[in-house]
Structure formats: structure tokens, C-alpha cells
C-alpha atoms as a PDB file:
ATOM      1  CA  MET A   1       0.227   0.275   0.449  1.00  0.00           C
ATOM      2  CA  ALA A   2       1.326   3.639  -1.097  1.00  0.00           C
ATOM      3  CA  ASP A   3       1.929   6.000   1.690  1.00  0.00           C
ATOM      4  CA  MET A   4       0.092   9.008   0.580  1.00  0.00           C
ATOM      5  CA  ARG A   5      -0.098  12.548   1.583  1.00  0.00           C
ATOM      6  CA  LEU A   6      -3.775  13.797   2.314  1.00  0.00           C
ATOM      7  CA  LEU A   7      -4.907  17.032   0.210  1.00  0.00           C
ATOM      8  CA  GLY A   8      -6.521  19.192   1.134  1.00  0.00           C
ATOM      9  CA  LEU A   9      -8.408  20.790  -2.370  1.00  0.00           C
ATOM     10  CA  ILE A  10     -10.005  23.885  -2.098  1.00  0.00           C
ATOM     11  CA  GLY A  11     -12.898  24.146  -4.933  1.00  0.00           C
ATOM     12  CA  GLY A  12     -15.766  25.573  -6.233  1.00  0.00           C
ATOM     13  CA  MET A  13     -14.229  29.102  -7.363  1.00  0.00           C
ATOM     14  CA  SER A  14     -15.207  26.737 -11.129  1.00  0.00           C
ATOM     15  CA  TRP A  15     -17.427  24.126 -10.491  1.00  0.00           C
ATOM     16  CA  ALA A  16     -15.788  22.925 -14.091  1.00  0.00           C
ATOM     17  CA  SER A  17     -12.856  23.113 -13.476  1.00  0.00           C
ATOM     18  CA  THR A  18     -12.793  21.433  -9.694  1.00  0.00           C
ATOM     19  CA  ILE A  19     -13.431  18.301 -11.816  1.00  0.00           C
ATOM     20  CA  SER A  20     -11.460  18.790 -13.552  1.00  0.00           C
ATOM     21  CA  ASP A  21      -8.608  18.994 -10.953  1.00  0.00           C
ATOM     22  CA  TYR A  22      -9.801  16.052  -9.087  1.00  0.00           C
ATOM     23  CA  ARG A  23      -9.526  14.587 -11.915  1.00  0.00           C
ATOM     24  CA  ARG A  24      -6.201  15.041 -12.847  1.00  0.00           C
ATOM     25  CA  LEU A  25      -3.990  14.269  -9.443  1.00  0.00           C
ATOM     26  CA  ASN A  26      -5.730  11.022  -9.425  1.00  0.00           C
ATOM     27  CA  GLN A  27      -4.485  10.390 -13.590  1.00  0.00           C
ATOM     28  CA  ILE A  28      -0.947  11.363 -11.573  1.00  0.00           C
ATOM     29  CA  VAL A  29      -0.783   9.267  -8.620  1.00  0.00           C
ATOM     30  CA  ALA A  30      -2.587   6.130 -10.449  1.00  0.00           C
ATOM     31  CA  GLU A  31       0.011   6.647 -13.602  1.00  0.00           C
ATOM     32  CA  ARG A  32       3.037   7.153 -11.082  1.00  0.00           C
ATOM     33  CA  LEU A  33       1.814   4.749  -8.945  1.00  0.00           C
ATOM     34  CA  GLY A  34      -0.140   2.718 -11.370  1.00  0.00           C
ATOM     35  CA  GLY A  35      -2.899   0.142  -9.597  1.00  0.00           C
ATOM     36  CA  GLN A  36      -6.140   0.756  -8.916  1.00  0.00           C
ATOM     37  CA  HIS A  37      -4.071   3.756  -6.418  1.00  0.00           C
ATOM     38  CA  SER A  38      -6.334   7.634  -6.913  1.00  0.00           C
ATOM     39  CA  ALA A  39      -5.641  10.424  -4.552  1.00  0.00           C
ATOM     40  CA  ARG A  40      -6.214  11.192  -0.905  1.00  0.00           C
ATOM     41  CA  LEU A  41      -7.691  14.343  -0.782  1.00  0.00           C
ATOM     42  CA  LEU A  42     -10.395  17.006   0.831  1.00  0.00           C
ATOM     43  CA  LEU A  43     -12.079  19.359  -1.064  1.00  0.00           C
ATOM     44  CA  TYR A  44     -13.477  22.083   0.781  1.00  0.00           C
ATOM     45  CA  SER A  45     -15.837  23.717  -2.268  1.00  0.00           C
ATOM     46  CA  VAL A  46     -16.640  27.793  -1.619  1.00  0.00           C
ATOM     47  CA  GLU A  47     -19.193  29.689  -2.807  1.00  0.00           C
ATOM     48  CA  PHE A  48     -18.165  31.183  -5.950  1.00  0.00           C
ATOM     49  CA  ASP A  49     -20.656  34.158  -6.280  1.00  0.00           C
ATOM     50  CA  GLU A  50     -19.412  35.990  -3.135  1.00  0.00           C
ATOM     51  CA  ILE A  51     -15.799  35.197  -3.834  1.00  0.00           C
ATOM     52  CA  HIS A  52     -16.753  37.831  -7.361  1.00  0.00           C
ATOM     53  CA  GLU A  53     -18.985  40.017  -5.640  1.00  0.00           C
ATOM     54  CA  LEU A  54     -16.083  40.718  -3.450  1.00  0.00           C
ATOM     55  CA  GLN A  55     -12.987  40.704  -6.588  1.00  0.00           C
ATOM     56  CA  TYR A  56     -15.298  42.916  -8.992  1.00  0.00           C
ATOM     57  CA  SER A  57     -15.460  45.154  -5.981  1.00  0.00           C
ATOM     58  CA  GLY A  58     -11.783  46.098  -5.809  1.00  0.00           C
ATOM     59  CA  ARG A  59     -11.965  43.644  -2.008  1.00  0.00           C
ATOM     60  CA  TRP A  60      -9.161  41.502  -2.634  1.00  0.00           C
ATOM     61  CA  GLU A  61      -7.963  41.253   0.876  1.00  0.00           C
ATOM     62  CA  GLU A  62     -11.524  40.093   1.982  1.00  0.00           C
ATOM     63  CA  ALA A  63     -11.653  37.005  -0.943  1.00  0.00           C
ATOM     64  CA  GLY A  64      -8.190  36.097  -0.089  1.00  0.00           C
ATOM     65  CA  GLY A  65      -9.948  36.248   3.898  1.00  0.00           C
ATOM     66  CA  LEU A  66     -12.774  33.361   2.243  1.00  0.00           C
ATOM     67  CA  LEU A  67     -10.162  31.166   1.130  1.00  0.00           C
ATOM     68  CA  ALA A  68      -8.044  30.984   4.315  1.00  0.00           C
ATOM     69  CA  ASP A  69     -10.816  30.146   5.733  1.00  0.00           C
ATOM     70  CA  ALA A  70     -11.119  27.473   4.022  1.00  0.00           C
ATOM     71  CA  ALA A  71      -7.834  26.536   3.597  1.00  0.00           C
ATOM     72  CA  ARG A  72      -7.491  26.570   7.784  1.00  0.00           C
ATOM     73  CA  ARG A  73     -10.799  24.144   8.184  1.00  0.00           C
ATOM     74  CA  LEU A  74      -9.040  21.620   5.273  1.00  0.00           C
ATOM     75  CA  VAL A  75      -5.615  21.374   7.473  1.00  0.00           C
ATOM     76  CA  ALA A  76      -8.489  20.886  10.636  1.00  0.00           C
ATOM     77  CA  GLY A  77      -9.938  18.251   8.301  1.00  0.00           C
ATOM     78  CA  GLY A  78      -5.852  16.590   8.075  1.00  0.00           C
ATOM     79  CA  ALA A  79      -5.163  17.712   5.482  1.00  0.00           C
ATOM     80  CA  GLU A  80      -1.457  17.745   5.118  1.00  0.00           C
ATOM     81  CA  GLY A  81      -0.321  20.367   1.941  1.00  0.00           C
ATOM     82  CA  ILE A  82      -2.592  22.871   0.173  1.00  0.00           C
ATOM     83  CA  GLU A  83      -4.082  23.343  -3.349  1.00  0.00           C
ATOM     84  CA  PRO A  84      -6.253  25.829  -4.959  1.00  0.00           C
ATOM     85  CA  ALA A  85      -8.097  23.815  -7.493  1.00  0.00           C
ATOM     86  CA  SER A  86      -8.526  27.306 -10.039  1.00  0.00           C
ATOM     87  CA  ARG A  87      -6.268  29.691 -11.231  1.00  0.00           C
ATOM     88  CA  ARG A  88      -8.788  32.702  -9.624  1.00  0.00           C
ATOM     89  CA  ALA A  89      -7.956  30.936  -6.209  1.00  0.00           C
ATOM     90  CA  PHE A  90      -4.449  31.450  -7.240  1.00  0.00           C
ATOM     91  CA  LEU A  91      -4.464  34.945  -8.159  1.00  0.00           C
ATOM     92  CA  ALA A  92      -7.107  35.328  -4.906  1.00  0.00           C
ATOM     93  CA  ARG A  93      -4.531  34.037  -2.955  1.00  0.00           C
ATOM     94  CA  HIS A  94      -1.070  36.111  -4.599  1.00  0.00           C
ATOM     95  CA  ARG A  95      -3.134  39.757  -5.338  1.00  0.00           C
ATOM     96  CA  ARG A  96      -2.890  40.227  -1.481  1.00  0.00           C
ATOM     97  CA  PRO A  97      -0.722  37.861   0.474  1.00  0.00           C
ATOM     98  CA  GLY A  98      -0.902  38.739   3.773  1.00  0.00           C
ATOM     99  CA  ARG A  99      -3.825  36.341   4.732  1.00  0.00           C
ATOM    100  CA  ALA A 100      -4.253  34.066   2.412  1.00  0.00           C
ATOM    101  CA  GLY A 101      -1.067  33.341   0.712  1.00  0.00           C
ATOM    102  CA  ARG A 102       0.248  32.546   4.699  1.00  0.00           C
ATOM    103  CA  ALA A 103      -3.063  30.059   5.174  1.00  0.00           C
ATOM    104  CA  GLY A 104      -1.806  27.606   2.507  1.00  0.00           C
ATOM    105  CA  GLY A 105       0.298  25.805  -0.514  1.00  0.00           C
ATOM    106  CA  ASP A 106       2.021  26.188  -2.894  1.00  0.00           C
ATOM    107  CA  PRO A 107       0.231  27.678  -6.186  1.00  0.00           C
ATOM    108  CA  GLY A 108      -0.515  24.679  -8.332  1.00  0.00           C
ATOM    109  CA  LEU A 109      -1.557  21.652  -8.652  1.00  0.00           C
ATOM    110  CA  HIS A 110       0.809  18.751  -7.996  1.00  0.00           C
ATOM    111  CA  GLY A 111       0.538  15.179  -7.715  1.00  0.00           C
ATOM    112  CA  ASP A 112       4.386  15.308  -6.162  1.00  0.00           C
ATOM    113  CA  ARG A 113       1.868  16.852  -3.324  1.00  0.00           C
ATOM    114  CA  ALA A 114      -0.523  13.444  -2.845  1.00  0.00           C
ATOM    115  CA  VAL A 115       2.367  10.828  -3.392  1.00  0.00           C
ATOM    116  CA  ASP A 116       4.382  10.519  -0.826  1.00  0.00           C
ATOM    117  CA  ARG A 117       7.476   8.625  -0.828  1.00  0.00           C
ATOM    118  CA  ARG A 118       8.193   8.812   2.879  1.00  0.00           C
ATOM    119  CA  ARG A 119       8.601   5.214   3.807  1.00  0.00           C
END
């Protein structure tokens, strides 16, 4: 049995990109580990309309705060790393990195974070 990290995924910025990134992470794990392996994931789906309104009105710090809250909830649930499942989430986190940048992991989806080769 592979030793995998539990990865937290912040979704909902676009449900379509959340589906795509969920699929992509599982494909990466299956390719690297073979067999019927899949990623160990927790998903927190934000309500995008609320974030969109904050972004549209230039309130990036508040939008980032919502993403930081999502990251904290995933960590509280046992996530060992956080990934945004959207380019918009990345932008909101790094446009004003103060709050959200401290709460989550590095940007981008990386199968290496899901597949931990610890022995």
C-alpha cells in the first residue's frame, strides 16, 4: 500500500475546473503508482458568487480571507497540503498574499504532494 499524503483541495471557484483538477490529480497518482490507486483528497468548495463580488469590487483582501478560511478548515480536517483547484483561487491568494498566502500551500496542482514517498 502506498503511503500518500492527504491533500486539501479548494474548489468551487469554477465547478468545472474543480472537476478537471480532481480528475487530473487522480490521473497523476494512478500514473505514478499504477493499479487502482487514487489521490487521498479533502475538498472544500467555496461559494463563488460571494468571492466574485468581492473581487469585482476590489476587495481582494476579503476574498483572500475566504480562501484562507477554506485552507484552515482543510488543515483542521487533516490535510497535509493545500491546492487551489482554480487559477482564480491562485490569483486571489497571491494578489494580496498577506492573509490567504499564509494559510495555504504552494500554487498549482502537483501530484507529488499527493504521492508521498516516505518509507
